[in-house]
C-alpha atoms as a PDB file:
ATOM      1  CA  UNK A   1      14.846  -4.064  -3.163  1.00  0.00           C
ATOM      2  CA  UNK A   2      11.274  -3.194  -2.207  1.00  0.00           C
ATOM      3  CA  UNK A   3       8.300  -3.648  -4.473  1.00  0.00           C
ATOM      4  CA  UNK A   4       6.402  -0.530  -5.527  1.00  0.00           C
ATOM      5  CA  UNK A   5       3.578   0.624  -3.261  1.00  0.00           C
ATOM      6  CA  UNK A   6       0.052  -0.495  -4.024  1.00  0.00           C
ATOM      7  CA  UNK A   7      -2.911   1.906  -4.105  1.00  0.00           C
ATOM      8  CA  UNK A   8      -3.772   1.435  -0.432  1.00  0.00           C
ATOM      9  CA  UNK A   9      -0.201   2.094   0.693  1.00  0.00           C
ATOM     10  CA  UNK A  10      -0.065   5.298  -1.349  1.00  0.00           C
ATOM     11  CA  UNK A  11      -3.373   6.356   0.237  1.00  0.00           C
ATOM     12  CA  UNK A  12      -1.981   5.595   3.703  1.00  0.00           C
ATOM     13  CA  UNK A  13       1.199   7.530   3.064  1.00  0.00           C
ATOM     14  CA  UNK A  14      -0.820  10.604   2.110  1.00  0.00           C
ATOM     15  CA  UNK A  15      -3.398  10.374   4.904  1.00  0.00           C
ATOM     16  CA  UNK A  16      -1.574   8.888   7.908  1.00  0.00           C
ATOM     17  CA  UNK A  17      -0.347  12.268   9.143  1.00  0.00           C
ATOM     18  CA  UNK A  18      -3.877  13.693   8.979  1.00  0.00           C
ATOM     19  CA  UNK A  19      -5.302  10.798  11.001  1.00  0.00           C
ATOM     20  CA  UNK A  20      -2.414  11.149  13.469  1.00  0.00           C
ATOM     21  CA  UNK A  21      -3.127  14.876  13.913  1.00  0.00           C
ATOM     22  CA  UNK A  22      -6.782  14.177  14.648  1.00  0.00           C
ATOM     23  CA  UNK A  23      -5.960  11.220  16.957  1.00  0.00           C
ATOM     24  CA  UNK A  24      -2.529  11.791  18.551  1.00  0.00           C
ATOM     25  CA  UNK A  25      -3.234   9.327  21.373  1.00  0.00           C
ATOM     26  CA  UNK A  26      -3.774   6.294  19.095  1.00  0.00           C
ATOM     27  CA  UNK A  27      -1.147   3.650  18.381  1.00  0.00           C
ATOM     28  CA  UNK A  28      -0.017   2.819  14.846  1.00  0.00           C
ATOM     29  CA  UNK A  29      -2.179  -0.309  14.618  1.00  0.00           C
ATOM     30  CA  UNK A  30      -5.346   1.660  15.361  1.00  0.00           C
ATOM     31  CA  UNK A  31      -4.365   4.432  12.945  1.00  0.00           C
ATOM     32  CA  UNK A  32      -3.913   1.797  10.233  1.00  0.00           C
ATOM     33  CA  UNK A  33      -7.326   0.356  11.042  1.00  0.00           C
ATOM     34  CA  UNK A  34      -8.877   3.838  10.631  1.00  0.00           C
ATOM     35  CA  UNK A  35      -7.050   4.253   7.324  1.00  0.00           C
ATOM     36  CA  UNK A  36      -8.443   0.892   6.201  1.00  0.00           C
ATOM     37  CA  UNK A  37     -11.970   2.036   7.038  1.00  0.00           C
ATOM     38  CA  UNK A  38     -11.431   5.302   5.158  1.00  0.00           C
ATOM     39  CA  UNK A  39     -10.107   3.347   2.159  1.00  0.00           C
ATOM     40  CA  UNK A  40     -13.060   0.949   2.215  1.00  0.00           C
ATOM     41  CA  UNK A  41     -15.519   3.852   2.182  1.00  0.00           C
ATOM     42  CA  UNK A  42     -13.661   5.937  -0.397  1.00  0.00           C
ATOM     43  CA  UNK A  43     -15.643   6.853  -3.502  1.00  0.00           C
ATOM     44  CA  UNK A  44     -14.666   4.787  -6.571  1.00  0.00           C
ATOM     45  CA  UNK A  45     -13.532   7.856  -8.529  1.00  0.00           C
ATOM     46  CA  UNK A  46     -11.223   8.915  -5.678  1.00  0.00           C
ATOM     47  CA  UNK A  47      -9.945   5.362  -5.295  1.00  0.00           C
ATOM     48  CA  UNK A  48      -9.191   5.112  -9.023  1.00  0.00           C
ATOM     49  CA  UNK A  49      -6.780   8.045  -8.654  1.00  0.00           C
ATOM     50  CA  UNK A  50      -4.663   5.979  -6.244  1.00  0.00           C
ATOM     51  CA  UNK A  51      -5.017   2.837  -8.363  1.00  0.00           C
ATOM     52  CA  UNK A  52      -3.737   4.690 -11.427  1.00  0.00           C
ATOM     53  CA  UNK A  53      -0.867   6.154  -9.435  1.00  0.00           C
ATOM     54  CA  UNK A  54       0.076   2.670  -8.198  1.00  0.00           C
ATOM     55  CA  UNK A  55       0.068   1.406 -11.794  1.00  0.00           C
ATOM     56  CA  UNK A  56       2.422   4.241 -12.762  1.00  0.00           C
ATOM     57  CA  UNK A  57       4.747   3.381  -9.856  1.00  0.00           C
ATOM     58  CA  UNK A  58       4.736  -0.282 -10.854  1.00  0.00           C
ATOM     59  CA  UNK A  59       5.443   0.478 -14.527  1.00  0.00           C
ATOM     60  CA  UNK A  60       8.315   2.795 -13.600  1.00  0.00           C
ATOM     61  CA  UNK A  61       9.698   0.187 -11.193  1.00  0.00           C
ATOM     62  CA  UNK A  62       9.558  -2.584 -13.811  1.00  0.00           C
ATOM     63  CA  UNK A  63      11.154  -0.317 -16.393  1.00  0.00           C
ATOM     64  CA  UNK A  64      13.993   0.531 -14.007  1.00  0.00           C
ATOM     65  CA  UNK A  65      14.336  -3.111 -12.853  1.00  0.00           C
ATOM     66  CA  UNK A  66      13.469  -5.336 -15.844  1.00  0.00           C
ATOM     67  CA  UNK A  67      14.984  -8.496 -14.314  1.00  0.00           C
ATOM     68  CA  UNK A  68      13.201  -8.187 -10.965  1.00  0.00           C
ATOM     69  CA  UNK A  69      10.962 -11.140 -10.051  1.00  0.00           C
ATOM     70  CA  UNK A  70       8.287 -11.129  -7.345  1.00  0.00           C
ATOM     71  CA  UNK A  71       8.351 -14.058  -4.989  1.00  0.00           C
ATOM     72  CA  UNK A  72       6.610 -14.965  -1.769  1.00  0.00           C
ATOM     73  CA  UNK A  73       9.038 -15.409   1.128  1.00  0.00           C
ATOM     74  CA  UNK A  74       6.495 -17.569   2.988  1.00  0.00           C
ATOM     75  CA  UNK A  75       6.279 -20.134   0.181  1.00  0.00           C
ATOM     76  CA  UNK A  76      10.029 -20.677  -0.185  1.00  0.00           C
ATOM     77  CA  UNK A  77      11.740 -23.738   1.216  1.00  0.00           C
ATOM     78  CA  UNK A  78      10.587 -27.331   1.470  1.00  0.00           C
ATOM     79  CA  UNK A  79       7.201 -26.602   3.019  1.00  0.00           C
ATOM     80  CA  UNK A  80       5.589 -30.027   2.683  1.00  0.00           C
ATOM     81  CA  UNK A  81       2.101 -30.364   4.203  1.00  0.00           C
END
């Protein structure tokens, strides 16, 4: 089961096709970098729209999956340092 998308992922989902249309020759990594720059320079009021949407997604996800627990796959196991 996947976790709900965060604000940046929602932004990317909505804008990736636009960036792709403007830059069809770029690879996915570069498109993501452009999306990151756009996100970093987004006005706070526009960014809050995506943040609120992400909160709604998370609330709906937790309501539908009340027993779901987040965990970090990298930190599982013995992992002594």
